[in-house]
Amino acid sequence: MCKINPMSLKSKIESDYENSLKSKDKIEISTYRLILSGIKDLEISNRSSSEKKQTDDNDIKQLIKKMIKQRNESIEIYKKNNRADLQAVEEKELNILNSYLPKQLGNDEIKNICQKTIEETNAQSIKDMGKVMAILKRNYSDNLDFSKAGTILKEILSKK
């Protein structure tokens, strides 16, 4: 019996790019070009490294997370400088990027997970933060914003 492989993340992005070309949406087109350019750079980097590994969906997810972080930073800057026009472009790009990752957890969910993990690891102070973060990364790598988690962990552990 033949098992059908689900579409790879890169294939899905390429397909969505083709659709954006048909719809002639300039922001979508430029966003997909940025993503595909980033993937191409990643593939070149992976091929030329000493390990010569294939670029997989996890590599692409990490790239997209980095791009999301950049968009969030830009949005904050545009908000401070009252540039609603540029902010709107960044937010549209952010929505496109977010569509390729599992739904990210909200602040309350992150706080609950951090609290539970601290209790499970019996973390007592900031010194134990690395141990807690390692478990969070192992269990929630796809849908947890680690910069938010780090801030929440510091807050909780500094009160202990």
C-alpha atoms as a PDB file:
ATOM      1  CA  MET A   1       0.000   0.000   0.000  1.00  0.00           C
ATOM      2  CA  CYS A   2       1.430   3.374  -1.022  1.00  0.00           C
ATOM      3  CA  LYS A   3       1.523   6.086   1.611  1.00  0.00           C
ATOM      4  CA  ILE A   4       0.904   9.574   0.238  1.00  0.00           C
ATOM      5  CA  ASN A   5       3.299  12.218   1.521  1.00  0.00           C
ATOM      6  CA  PRO A   6       1.651  15.404   2.692  1.00  0.00           C
ATOM      7  CA  MET A   7       2.714  18.515   0.804  1.00  0.00           C
ATOM      8  CA  SER A   8       5.985  19.889   2.143  1.00  0.00           C
ATOM      9  CA  LEU A   9       5.971  23.376   3.586  1.00  0.00           C
ATOM     10  CA  LYS A  10       8.130  24.651   0.727  1.00  0.00           C
ATOM     11  CA  SER A  11       5.739  23.173  -1.859  1.00  0.00           C
ATOM     12  CA  LYS A  12       2.774  24.789  -0.123  1.00  0.00           C
ATOM     13  CA  ILE A  13       4.534  28.179  -0.089  1.00  0.00           C
ATOM     14  CA  GLU A  14       5.428  27.815  -3.784  1.00  0.00           C
ATOM     15  CA  SER A  15       1.820  26.923  -4.596  1.00  0.00           C
ATOM     16  CA  ASP A  16       0.519  29.906  -2.616  1.00  0.00           C
ATOM     17  CA  TYR A  17       3.043  32.121  -4.414  1.00  0.00           C
ATOM     18  CA  GLU A  18       1.698  30.953  -7.795  1.00  0.00           C
ATOM     19  CA  ASN A  19      -1.836  31.791  -6.618  1.00  0.00           C
ATOM     20  CA  SER A  20      -0.738  35.244  -5.444  1.00  0.00           C
ATOM     21  CA  LEU A  21       0.725  35.907  -8.900  1.00  0.00           C
ATOM     22  CA  LYS A  22      -2.687  35.126 -10.407  1.00  0.00           C
ATOM     23  CA  SER A  23      -4.454  37.413  -7.931  1.00  0.00           C
ATOM     24  CA  LYS A  24      -1.903  40.205  -8.595  1.00  0.00           C
ATOM     25  CA  ASP A  25      -1.740  41.160  -4.898  1.00  0.00           C
ATOM     26  CA  LYS A  26       1.543  43.091  -4.662  1.00  0.00           C
ATOM     27  CA  ILE A  27       2.036  42.621  -0.919  1.00  0.00           C
ATOM     28  CA  GLU A  28       1.377  38.873  -1.111  1.00  0.00           C
ATOM     29  CA  ILE A  29       3.707  38.492  -4.084  1.00  0.00           C
ATOM     30  CA  SER A  30       6.551  40.363  -2.375  1.00  0.00           C
ATOM     31  CA  THR A  31       6.031  38.438   0.882  1.00  0.00           C
ATOM     32  CA  TYR A  32       6.160  35.072  -0.881  1.00  0.00           C
ATOM     33  CA  ARG A  33       9.262  36.168  -2.786  1.00  0.00           C
ATOM     34  CA  LEU A  34      10.924  37.084   0.509  1.00  0.00           C
ATOM     35  CA  ILE A  35      10.032  33.717   2.017  1.00  0.00           C
ATOM     36  CA  LEU A  36      11.204  31.758  -1.034  1.00  0.00           C
ATOM     37  CA  SER A  37      14.413  33.804  -1.182  1.00  0.00           C
ATOM     38  CA  GLY A  38      15.031  33.013   2.493  1.00  0.00           C
ATOM     39  CA  ILE A  39      14.424  29.309   1.831  1.00  0.00           C
ATOM     40  CA  LYS A  40      16.843  29.368  -1.117  1.00  0.00           C
ATOM     41  CA  ASP A  41      19.527  31.021   1.079  1.00  0.00           C
ATOM     42  CA  LEU A  42      18.871  28.399   3.744  1.00  0.00           C
ATOM     43  CA  GLU A  43      19.243  25.574   1.233  1.00  0.00           C
ATOM     44  CA  ILE A  44      22.538  26.998  -0.042  1.00  0.00           C
ATOM     45  CA  SER A  45      23.783  27.415   3.513  1.00  0.00           C
ATOM     46  CA  ASN A  46      22.781  23.858   4.441  1.00  0.00           C
ATOM     47  CA  ARG A  47      24.422  22.387   1.322  1.00  0.00           C
ATOM     48  CA  SER A  48      27.672  24.262   1.816  1.00  0.00           C
ATOM     49  CA  SER A  49      27.969  23.555   5.545  1.00  0.00           C
ATOM     50  CA  SER A  50      30.199  20.754   6.777  1.00  0.00           C
ATOM     51  CA  GLU A  51      27.136  18.579   7.563  1.00  0.00           C
ATOM     52  CA  LYS A  52      25.580  18.971   4.075  1.00  0.00           C
ATOM     53  CA  LYS A  53      22.022  18.454   5.304  1.00  0.00           C
ATOM     54  CA  GLN A  54      18.765  18.698   3.400  1.00  0.00           C
ATOM     55  CA  THR A  55      16.544  21.661   4.262  1.00  0.00           C
ATOM     56  CA  ASP A  56      13.414  20.338   5.957  1.00  0.00           C
ATOM     57  CA  ASP A  57      10.132  21.779   7.219  1.00  0.00           C
ATOM     58  CA  ASN A  58      11.640  22.484  10.657  1.00  0.00           C
ATOM     59  CA  ASP A  59      14.368  24.638   9.076  1.00  0.00           C
ATOM     60  CA  ILE A  60      11.712  26.540   7.142  1.00  0.00           C
ATOM     61  CA  LYS A  61       9.594  26.991  10.297  1.00  0.00           C
ATOM     62  CA  GLN A  62      12.623  28.482  12.078  1.00  0.00           C
ATOM     63  CA  LEU A  63      13.140  30.860   9.152  1.00  0.00           C
ATOM     64  CA  ILE A  64       9.481  31.897   9.259  1.00  0.00           C
ATOM     65  CA  LYS A  65       9.664  32.447  13.034  1.00  0.00           C
ATOM     66  CA  LYS A  66      12.643  34.746  12.490  1.00  0.00           C
ATOM     67  CA  MET A  67      10.720  36.655   9.819  1.00  0.00           C
ATOM     68  CA  ILE A  68       7.719  36.950  12.156  1.00  0.00           C
ATOM     69  CA  LYS A  69       9.926  38.385  14.875  1.00  0.00           C
ATOM     70  CA  GLN A  70      11.277  40.967  12.410  1.00  0.00           C
ATOM     71  CA  ARG A  71       7.735  41.955  11.365  1.00  0.00           C
ATOM     72  CA  ASN A  72       6.633  42.329  14.999  1.00  0.00           C
ATOM     73  CA  GLU A  73       9.592  44.615  15.703  1.00  0.00           C
ATOM     74  CA  SER A  74       8.813  46.710  12.618  1.00  0.00           C
ATOM     75  CA  ILE A  75       5.147  46.992  13.566  1.00  0.00           C
ATOM     76  CA  GLU A  76       6.109  48.353  16.996  1.00  0.00           C
ATOM     77  CA  ILE A  77       8.418  50.945  15.401  1.00  0.00           C
ATOM     78  CA  TYR A  78       5.738  52.010  12.929  1.00  0.00           C
ATOM     79  CA  LYS A  79       3.175  52.323  15.734  1.00  0.00           C
ATOM     80  CA  LYS A  80       5.515  54.623  17.692  1.00  0.00           C
ATOM     81  CA  ASN A  81       6.125  56.765  14.608  1.00  0.00           C
ATOM     82  CA  ASN A  82       2.463  56.917  13.536  1.00  0.00           C
ATOM     83  CA  ARG A  83       3.107  55.222  10.185  1.00  0.00           C
ATOM     84  CA  ALA A  84      -0.182  53.375   9.758  1.00  0.00           C
ATOM     85  CA  ASP A  85       0.499  52.812   6.044  1.00  0.00           C
ATOM     86  CA  LEU A  86       3.727  50.889   6.671  1.00  0.00           C
ATOM     87  CA  GLN A  87       2.246  49.180   9.726  1.00  0.00           C
ATOM     88  CA  ALA A  88      -0.614  47.808   7.611  1.00  0.00           C
ATOM     89  CA  VAL A  89       1.838  46.303   5.104  1.00  0.00           C
ATOM     90  CA  GLU A  90       3.848  44.635   7.881  1.00  0.00           C
ATOM     91  CA  GLU A  91       0.665  43.281   9.491  1.00  0.00           C
ATOM     92  CA  LYS A  92      -0.463  41.740   6.200  1.00  0.00           C
ATOM     93  CA  GLU A  93       2.981  40.130   5.796  1.00  0.00           C
ATOM     94  CA  LEU A  94       2.762  38.905   9.390  1.00  0.00           C
ATOM     95  CA  ASN A  95      -0.616  37.250   8.715  1.00  0.00           C
ATOM     96  CA  ILE A  96       0.814  35.449   5.689  1.00  0.00           C
ATOM     97  CA  LEU A  97       3.836  34.233   7.681  1.00  0.00           C
ATOM     98  CA  ASN A  98       1.688  33.129  10.631  1.00  0.00           C
ATOM     99  CA  SER A  99      -0.445  30.983   8.322  1.00  0.00           C
ATOM    100  CA  TYR A 100       2.506  28.558   7.915  1.00  0.00           C
ATOM    101  CA  LEU A 101       2.970  27.885  11.626  1.00  0.00           C
ATOM    102  CA  PRO A 102       0.722  26.163  14.147  1.00  0.00           C
ATOM    103  CA  LYS A 103      -1.392  28.603  16.135  1.00  0.00           C
ATOM    104  CA  GLN A 104       0.775  30.390  18.667  1.00  0.00           C
ATOM    105  CA  LEU A 105      -0.262  30.228  22.313  1.00  0.00           C
ATOM    106  CA  GLY A 106      -1.625  33.326  24.031  1.00  0.00           C
ATOM    107  CA  ASN A 107      -0.089  35.015  27.100  1.00  0.00           C
ATOM    108  CA  ASP A 108      -2.392  33.272  29.582  1.00  0.00           C
ATOM    109  CA  GLU A 109      -1.652  29.858  28.061  1.00  0.00           C
ATOM    110  CA  ILE A 110       2.091  30.581  28.089  1.00  0.00           C
ATOM    111  CA  LYS A 111       1.886  31.639  31.739  1.00  0.00           C
ATOM    112  CA  ASN A 112       0.048  28.421  32.681  1.00  0.00           C
ATOM    113  CA  ILE A 113       2.541  26.242  30.797  1.00  0.00           C
ATOM    114  CA  CYS A 114       5.492  28.068  32.391  1.00  0.00           C
ATOM    115  CA  GLN A 115       3.980  27.696  35.871  1.00  0.00           C
ATOM    116  CA  LYS A 116       3.291  23.991  35.330  1.00  0.00           C
ATOM    117  CA  THR A 117       6.805  23.353  33.962  1.00  0.00           C
ATOM    118  CA  ILE A 118       8.391  25.210  36.900  1.00  0.00           C
ATOM    119  CA  GLU A 119       6.447  22.994  39.300  1.00  0.00           C
ATOM    120  CA  GLU A 120       7.350  19.819  37.372  1.00  0.00           C
ATOM    121  CA  THR A 121      11.070  20.658  37.340  1.00  0.00           C
ATOM    122  CA  ASN A 122      11.005  21.997  40.889  1.00  0.00           C
ATOM    123  CA  ALA A 123      12.779  25.158  39.674  1.00  0.00           C
ATOM    124  CA  GLN A 124      13.599  27.479  42.559  1.00  0.00           C
ATOM    125  CA  SER A 125      15.315  30.510  41.042  1.00  0.00           C
ATOM    126  CA  ILE A 126      16.524  32.225  37.877  1.00  0.00           C
ATOM    127  CA  LYS A 127      19.467  29.784  37.943  1.00  0.00           C
ATOM    128  CA  ASP A 128      17.028  27.010  36.964  1.00  0.00           C
ATOM    129  CA  MET A 129      15.679  28.941  33.979  1.00  0.00           C
ATOM    130  CA  GLY A 130      17.821  27.032  31.445  1.00  0.00           C
ATOM    131  CA  LYS A 131      16.438  23.722  32.668  1.00  0.00           C
ATOM    132  CA  VAL A 132      12.851  24.973  32.352  1.00  0.00           C
ATOM    133  CA  MET A 133      13.469  26.514  28.902  1.00  0.00           C
ATOM    134  CA  ALA A 134      14.962  23.240  27.632  1.00  0.00           C
ATOM    135  CA  ILE A 135      11.777  21.383  28.559  1.00  0.00           C
ATOM    136  CA  LEU A 136       9.588  24.095  27.026  1.00  0.00           C
ATOM    137  CA  LYS A 137      11.584  23.938  23.776  1.00  0.00           C
ATOM    138  CA  ARG A 138      11.316  20.162  23.676  1.00  0.00           C
ATOM    139  CA  ASN A 139       7.546  20.128  24.295  1.00  0.00           C
ATOM    140  CA  TYR A 140       6.299  23.342  22.666  1.00  0.00           C
ATOM    141  CA  SER A 141       8.815  24.271  19.960  1.00  0.00           C
ATOM    142  CA  ASP A 142       6.189  24.933  17.282  1.00  0.00           C
ATOM    143  CA  ASN A 143       3.599  27.009  19.085  1.00  0.00           C
ATOM    144  CA  LEU A 144       5.333  28.859  21.912  1.00  0.00           C
ATOM    145  CA  ASP A 145       6.876  32.326  21.612  1.00  0.00           C
ATOM    146  CA  PHE A 146      10.080  31.847  23.592  1.00  0.00           C
ATOM    147  CA  SER A 147      10.782  35.541  24.077  1.00  0.00           C
ATOM    148  CA  LYS A 148       7.412  35.871  25.863  1.00  0.00           C
ATOM    149  CA  ALA A 149       8.038  32.637  27.752  1.00  0.00           C
ATOM    150  CA  GLY A 150      11.463  33.889  28.871  1.00  0.00           C
ATOM    151  CA  THR A 151       9.969  37.120  30.208  1.00  0.00           C
ATOM    152  CA  ILE A 152       7.231  35.224  32.060  1.00  0.00           C
ATOM    153  CA  LEU A 153       9.735  32.712  33.484  1.00  0.00           C
ATOM    154  CA  LYS A 154      11.976  35.517  34.779  1.00  0.00           C
ATOM    155  CA  GLU A 155       8.968  37.170  36.388  1.00  0.00           C
ATOM    156  CA  ILE A 156       7.806  33.972  38.112  1.00  0.00           C
ATOM    157  CA  LEU A 157      11.250  32.718  39.150  1.00  0.00           C
ATOM    158  CA  SER A 158      12.403  36.074  40.514  1.00  0.00           C
ATOM    159  CA  LYS A 159       9.449  36.021  42.949  1.00  0.00           C
ATOM    160  CA  LYS A 160      10.546  32.658  44.406  1.00  0.00           C
END
